PDB file of N, CA and C in Angstrom:
ATOM      1  N   MET A   1     -37.043 -68.326  81.552  1.00  0.00           N
ATOM      2  CA  MET A   1     -36.893 -68.511  80.119  1.00  0.00           C
ATOM      3  C   MET A   1     -37.661 -67.404  79.385  1.00  0.00           C
ATOM      4  N   ALA A   2     -37.081 -66.890  78.346  1.00  0.00           N
ATOM      5  CA  ALA A   2     -37.722 -65.838  77.555  1.00  0.00           C
ATOM      6  C   ALA A   2     -38.920 -66.394  76.791  1.00  0.00           C
ATOM      7  N   GLU A   3     -39.783 -65.509  76.392  1.00  0.00           N
ATOM      8  CA  GLU A   3     -40.970 -65.867  75.607  1.00  0.00           C
ATOM      9  C   GLU A   3     -40.776 -65.399  74.171  1.00  0.00           C
ATOM     10  N   PRO A   4     -41.491 -66.017  73.207  1.00  0.00           N
ATOM     11  CA  PRO A   4     -41.453 -65.476  71.846  1.00  0.00           C
ATOM     12  C   PRO A   4     -42.063 -64.081  71.835  1.00  0.00           C
ATOM     13  N   LYS A   5     -41.687 -63.275  70.846  1.00  0.00           N
ATOM     14  CA  LYS A   5     -42.242 -61.919  70.787  1.00  0.00           C
ATOM     15  C   LYS A   5     -42.374 -61.472  69.336  1.00  0.00           C
ATOM     16  N   PHE A   6     -43.319 -60.580  69.122  1.00  0.00           N
ATOM     17  CA  PHE A   6     -43.484 -59.904  67.850  1.00  0.00           C
ATOM     18  C   PHE A   6     -42.810 -58.550  67.952  1.00  0.00           C
ATOM     19  N   GLU A   7     -41.973 -58.221  66.979  1.00  0.00           N
ATOM     20  CA  GLU A   7     -41.351 -56.907  66.909  1.00  0.00           C
ATOM     21  C   GLU A   7     -41.958 -56.164  65.728  1.00  0.00           C
ATOM     22  N   VAL A   8     -42.384 -54.926  65.951  1.00  0.00           N
ATOM     23  CA  VAL A   8     -42.932 -54.066  64.904  1.00  0.00           C
ATOM     24  C   VAL A   8     -41.875 -53.016  64.581  1.00  0.00           C
ATOM     25  N   TYR A   9     -41.622 -52.834  63.288  1.00  0.00           N
ATOM     26  CA  TYR A   9     -40.593 -51.877  62.873  1.00  0.00           C
ATOM     27  C   TYR A   9     -40.940 -51.301  61.511  1.00  0.00           C
ATOM     28  N   LYS A  10     -40.222 -50.254  61.113  1.00  0.00           N
ATOM     29  CA  LYS A  10     -40.383 -49.667  59.778  1.00  0.00           C
ATOM     30  C   LYS A  10     -39.207 -50.111  58.917  1.00  0.00           C
ATOM     31  N   ASP A  11     -39.517 -50.489  57.679  1.00  0.00           N
ATOM     32  CA  ASP A  11     -38.461 -50.903  56.752  1.00  0.00           C
ATOM     33  C   ASP A  11     -37.900 -49.697  56.001  1.00  0.00           C
ATOM     34  N   ALA A  12     -36.997 -49.936  55.071  1.00  0.00           N
ATOM     35  CA  ALA A  12     -36.341 -48.861  54.328  1.00  0.00           C
ATOM     36  C   ALA A  12     -37.316 -48.027  53.501  1.00  0.00           C
ATOM     37  N   LYS A  13     -38.463 -48.624  53.130  1.00  0.00           N
ATOM     38  CA  LYS A  13     -39.477 -47.897  52.358  1.00  0.00           C
ATOM     39  C   LYS A  13     -40.450 -47.140  53.251  1.00  0.00           C
ATOM     40  N   GLY A  14     -40.276 -47.247  54.562  1.00  0.00           N
ATOM     41  CA  GLY A  14     -41.163 -46.570  55.497  1.00  0.00           C
ATOM     42  C   GLY A  14     -42.426 -47.346  55.812  1.00  0.00           C
ATOM     43  N   GLU A  15     -42.487 -48.621  55.393  1.00  0.00           N
ATOM     44  CA  GLU A  15     -43.657 -49.446  55.676  1.00  0.00           C
ATOM     45  C   GLU A  15     -43.478 -50.169  57.012  1.00  0.00           C
ATOM     46  N   TYR A  16     -44.599 -50.430  57.655  1.00  0.00           N
ATOM     47  CA  TYR A  16     -44.586 -51.169  58.914  1.00  0.00           C
ATOM     48  C   TYR A  16     -44.497 -52.660  58.623  1.00  0.00           C
ATOM     49  N   ARG A  17     -43.668 -53.343  59.371  1.00  0.00           N
ATOM     50  CA  ARG A  17     -43.508 -54.795  59.254  1.00  0.00           C
ATOM     51  C   ARG A  17     -43.414 -55.388  60.654  1.00  0.00           C
ATOM     52  N   PHE A  18     -43.617 -56.696  60.712  1.00  0.00           N
ATOM     53  CA  PHE A  18     -43.395 -57.386  61.975  1.00  0.00           C
ATOM     54  C   PHE A  18     -42.539 -58.614  61.736  1.00  0.00           C
ATOM     55  N   ARG A  19     -41.861 -59.001  62.790  1.00  0.00           N
ATOM     56  CA  ARG A  19     -41.141 -60.269  62.772  1.00  0.00           C
ATOM     57  C   ARG A  19     -41.445 -60.982  64.083  1.00  0.00           C
ATOM     58  N   LEU A  20     -41.559 -62.287  64.014  1.00  0.00           N
ATOM     59  CA  LEU A  20     -41.777 -63.115  65.192  1.00  0.00           C
ATOM     60  C   LEU A  20     -40.435 -63.704  65.575  1.00  0.00           C
ATOM     61  N   LYS A  21     -40.039 -63.439  66.811  1.00  0.00           N
ATOM     62  CA  LYS A  21     -38.754 -63.920  67.309  1.00  0.00           C
ATOM     63  C   LYS A  21     -38.972 -65.048  68.308  1.00  0.00           C
ATOM     64  N   ALA A  22     -38.169 -66.093  68.169  1.00  0.00           N
ATOM     65  CA  ALA A  22     -38.177 -67.213  69.110  1.00  0.00           C
ATOM     66  C   ALA A  22     -37.513 -66.787  70.419  1.00  0.00           C
ATOM     67  N   PRO A  23     -37.709 -67.549  71.481  1.00  0.00           N
ATOM     68  CA  PRO A  23     -37.069 -67.198  72.758  1.00  0.00           C
ATOM     69  C   PRO A  23     -35.549 -67.069  72.665  1.00  0.00           C
ATOM     70  N   ASN A  24     -34.916 -67.761  71.711  1.00  0.00           N
ATOM     71  CA  ASN A  24     -33.461 -67.676  71.571  1.00  0.00           C
ATOM     72  C   ASN A  24     -33.022 -66.476  70.733  1.00  0.00           C
ATOM     73  N   GLY A  25     -33.987 -65.645  70.288  1.00  0.00           N
ATOM     74  CA  GLY A  25     -33.678 -64.440  69.536  1.00  0.00           C
ATOM     75  C   GLY A  25     -33.690 -64.597  68.028  1.00  0.00           C
ATOM     76  N   GLU A  26     -33.860 -65.820  67.540  1.00  0.00           N
ATOM     77  CA  GLU A  26     -33.885 -66.049  66.096  1.00  0.00           C
ATOM     78  C   GLU A  26     -35.230 -65.652  65.505  1.00  0.00           C
ATOM     79  N   THR A  27     -35.193 -65.033  64.322  1.00  0.00           N
ATOM     80  CA  THR A  27     -36.419 -64.684  63.611  1.00  0.00           C
ATOM     81  C   THR A  27     -36.999 -65.948  62.996  1.00  0.00           C
ATOM     82  N   ILE A  28     -38.279 -66.214  63.299  1.00  0.00           N
ATOM     83  CA  ILE A  28     -38.911 -67.424  62.760  1.00  0.00           C
ATOM     84  C   ILE A  28     -40.035 -67.107  61.777  1.00  0.00           C
ATOM     85  N   ALA A  29     -40.443 -65.849  61.691  1.00  0.00           N
ATOM     86  CA  ALA A  29     -41.457 -65.448  60.710  1.00  0.00           C
ATOM     87  C   ALA A  29     -41.388 -63.940  60.527  1.00  0.00           C
ATOM     88  N   THR A  30     -41.734 -63.494  59.309  1.00  0.00           N
ATOM     89  CA  THR A  30     -41.792 -62.064  59.024  1.00  0.00           C
ATOM     90  C   THR A  30     -43.083 -61.759  58.285  1.00  0.00           C
ATOM     91  N   GLY A  31     -43.572 -60.557  58.480  1.00  0.00           N
ATOM     92  CA  GLY A  31     -44.800 -60.128  57.813  1.00  0.00           C
ATOM     93  C   GLY A  31     -44.501 -59.249  56.615  1.00  0.00           C
ATOM     94  N   GLU A  32     -45.500 -59.061  55.789  1.00  0.00           N
ATOM     95  CA  GLU A  32     -45.392 -58.184  54.629  1.00  0.00           C
ATOM     96  C   GLU A  32     -45.348 -56.731  55.083  1.00  0.00           C
ATOM     97  N   GLY A  33     -45.098 -55.816  54.152  1.00  0.00           N
ATOM     98  CA  GLY A  33     -45.103 -54.396  54.463  1.00  0.00           C
ATOM     99  C   GLY A  33     -46.515 -53.835  54.481  1.00  0.00           C
ATOM    100  N   TYR A  34     -46.796 -52.978  55.446  1.00  0.00           N
ATOM    101  CA  TYR A  34     -48.096 -52.330  55.593  1.00  0.00           C
ATOM    102  C   TYR A  34     -47.897 -50.818  55.611  1.00  0.00           C
ATOM    103  N   VAL A  35     -48.759 -50.098  54.927  1.00  0.00           N
ATOM    104  CA  VAL A  35     -48.689 -48.634  54.910  1.00  0.00           C
ATOM    105  C   VAL A  35     -49.045 -48.078  56.286  1.00  0.00           C
ATOM    106  N   ALA A  36     -50.057 -48.658  56.929  1.00  0.00           N
ATOM    107  CA  ALA A  36     -50.528 -48.186  58.229  1.00  0.00           C
ATOM    108  C   ALA A  36     -50.120 -49.159  59.340  1.00  0.00           C
ATOM    109  N   LYS A  37     -49.776 -48.615  60.484  1.00  0.00           N
ATOM    110  CA  LYS A  37     -49.411 -49.453  61.631  1.00  0.00           C
ATOM    111  C   LYS A  37     -50.568 -50.356  62.042  1.00  0.00           C
ATOM    112  N   ALA A  38     -51.794 -49.851  61.906  1.00  0.00           N
ATOM    113  CA  ALA A  38     -52.972 -50.657  62.263  1.00  0.00           C
ATOM    114  C   ALA A  38     -53.038 -51.929  61.421  1.00  0.00           C
ATOM    115  N   GLY A  39     -52.674 -51.835  60.144  1.00  0.00           N
ATOM    116  CA  GLY A  39     -52.656 -53.015  59.283  1.00  0.00           C
ATOM    117  C   GLY A  39     -51.637 -54.031  59.758  1.00  0.00           C
ATOM    118  N   CYS A  40     -50.488 -53.546  60.189  1.00  0.00           N
ATOM    119  CA  CYS A  40     -49.448 -54.418  60.720  1.00  0.00           C
ATOM    120  C   CYS A  40     -49.935 -55.122  61.983  1.00  0.00           C
ATOM    121  N   MET A  41     -50.572 -54.383  62.856  1.00  0.00           N
ATOM    122  CA  MET A  41     -51.089 -54.973  64.096  1.00  0.00           C
ATOM    123  C   MET A  41     -52.163 -56.010  63.794  1.00  0.00           C
ATOM    124  N   ASN A  42     -52.999 -55.757  62.784  1.00  0.00           N
ATOM    125  CA  ASN A  42     -54.005 -56.741  62.363  1.00  0.00           C
ATOM    126  C   ASN A  42     -53.328 -57.998  61.824  1.00  0.00           C
ATOM    127  N   GLY A  43     -52.214 -57.832  61.105  1.00  0.00           N
ATOM    128  CA  GLY A  43     -51.464 -58.976  60.607  1.00  0.00           C
ATOM    129  C   GLY A  43     -50.946 -59.847  61.739  1.00  0.00           C
ATOM    130  N   ILE A  44     -50.457 -59.218  62.783  1.00  0.00           N
ATOM    131  CA  ILE A  44     -49.993 -59.964  63.961  1.00  0.00           C
ATOM    132  C   ILE A  44     -51.149 -60.735  64.587  1.00  0.00           C
ATOM    133  N   GLU A  45     -52.279 -60.073  64.749  1.00  0.00           N
ATOM    134  CA  GLU A  45     -53.438 -60.757  65.345  1.00  0.00           C
ATOM    135  C   GLU A  45     -53.883 -61.936  64.489  1.00  0.00           C
ATOM    136  N   SER A  46     -53.799 -61.795  63.176  1.00  0.00           N
ATOM    137  CA  SER A  46     -54.172 -62.886  62.274  1.00  0.00           C
ATOM    138  C   SER A  46     -53.241 -64.087  62.460  1.00  0.00           C
ATOM    139  N   VAL A  47     -51.947 -63.829  62.573  1.00  0.00           N
ATOM    140  CA  VAL A  47     -51.001 -64.922  62.801  1.00  0.00           C
ATOM    141  C   VAL A  47     -51.298 -65.597  64.136  1.00  0.00           C
ATOM    142  N   LYS A  48     -51.526 -64.808  65.171  1.00  0.00           N
ATOM    143  CA  LYS A  48     -51.828 -65.372  66.483  1.00  0.00           C
ATOM    144  C   LYS A  48     -53.069 -66.268  66.446  1.00  0.00           C
ATOM    145  N   GLU A  49     -54.082 -65.829  65.715  1.00  0.00           N
ATOM    146  CA  GLU A  49     -55.347 -66.564  65.662  1.00  0.00           C
ATOM    147  C   GLU A  49     -55.273 -67.781  64.753  1.00  0.00           C
ATOM    148  N   ASN A  50     -54.643 -67.643  63.593  1.00  0.00           N
ATOM    149  CA  ASN A  50     -54.705 -68.699  62.582  1.00  0.00           C
ATOM    150  C   ASN A  50     -53.571 -69.705  62.619  1.00  0.00           C
ATOM    151  N   ALA A  51     -52.412 -69.343  63.130  1.00  0.00           N
ATOM    152  CA  ALA A  51     -51.275 -70.265  63.110  1.00  0.00           C
ATOM    153  C   ALA A  51     -51.534 -71.573  63.846  1.00  0.00           C
ATOM    154  N   PRO A  52     -52.169 -71.559  65.006  1.00  0.00           N
ATOM    155  CA  PRO A  52     -52.408 -72.843  65.693  1.00  0.00           C
ATOM    156  C   PRO A  52     -53.308 -73.782  64.886  1.00  0.00           C
ATOM    157  N   LYS A  53     -54.098 -73.218  63.964  1.00  0.00           N
ATOM    158  CA  LYS A  53     -55.038 -74.014  63.174  1.00  0.00           C
ATOM    159  C   LYS A  53     -54.475 -74.383  61.801  1.00  0.00           C
ATOM    160  N   ALA A  54     -53.302 -73.845  61.458  1.00  0.00           N
ATOM    161  CA  ALA A  54     -52.758 -74.046  60.109  1.00  0.00           C
ATOM    162  C   ALA A  54     -52.313 -75.492  59.891  1.00  0.00           C
ATOM    163  N   GLU A  55     -52.685 -76.007  58.733  1.00  0.00           N
ATOM    164  CA  GLU A  55     -52.243 -77.345  58.382  1.00  0.00           C
ATOM    165  C   GLU A  55     -50.841 -77.270  57.799  1.00  0.00           C
ATOM    166  N   ILE A  56     -50.115 -78.357  57.877  1.00  0.00           N
ATOM    167  CA  ILE A  56     -48.785 -78.438  57.285  1.00  0.00           C
ATOM    168  C   ILE A  56     -48.919 -79.121  55.940  1.00  0.00           C
ATOM    169  N   VAL A  57     -48.426 -78.477  54.889  1.00  0.00           N
ATOM    170  CA  VAL A  57     -48.472 -79.040  53.544  1.00  0.00           C
ATOM    171  C   VAL A  57     -47.033 -79.284  53.107  1.00  0.00           C
ATOM    172  N   ASP A  58     -46.681 -80.533  52.940  1.00  0.00           N
ATOM    173  CA  ASP A  58     -45.323 -80.913  52.524  1.00  0.00           C
ATOM    174  C   ASP A  58     -45.256 -80.865  50.999  1.00  0.00           C
ATOM    175  N   MET A  59     -44.493 -79.915  50.460  1.00  0.00           N
ATOM    176  CA  MET A  59     -44.405 -79.712  49.019  1.00  0.00           C
ATOM    177  C   MET A  59     -43.165 -80.380  48.414  1.00  0.00           C
ATOM    178  N   THR A  60     -42.514 -81.275  49.176  1.00  0.00           N
ATOM    179  CA  THR A  60     -41.310 -81.929  48.657  1.00  0.00           C
ATOM    180  C   THR A  60     -41.632 -83.134  47.833  1.00  0.00           C
TER     181      THR A  60
END
């Protein structure tokens, strides 16, 4: 079975972005644009570290 993965890419403005893909290939999260690749990589690390601790807030 495939694993989830982070893909790093450049958008039309030349900024670095990431998307988190599920094992089935669907995009389940996207990051903001970063001028530097290092900022994008830090964003990925932040998601990895903080997502398991994130609370769910139902706004409905």
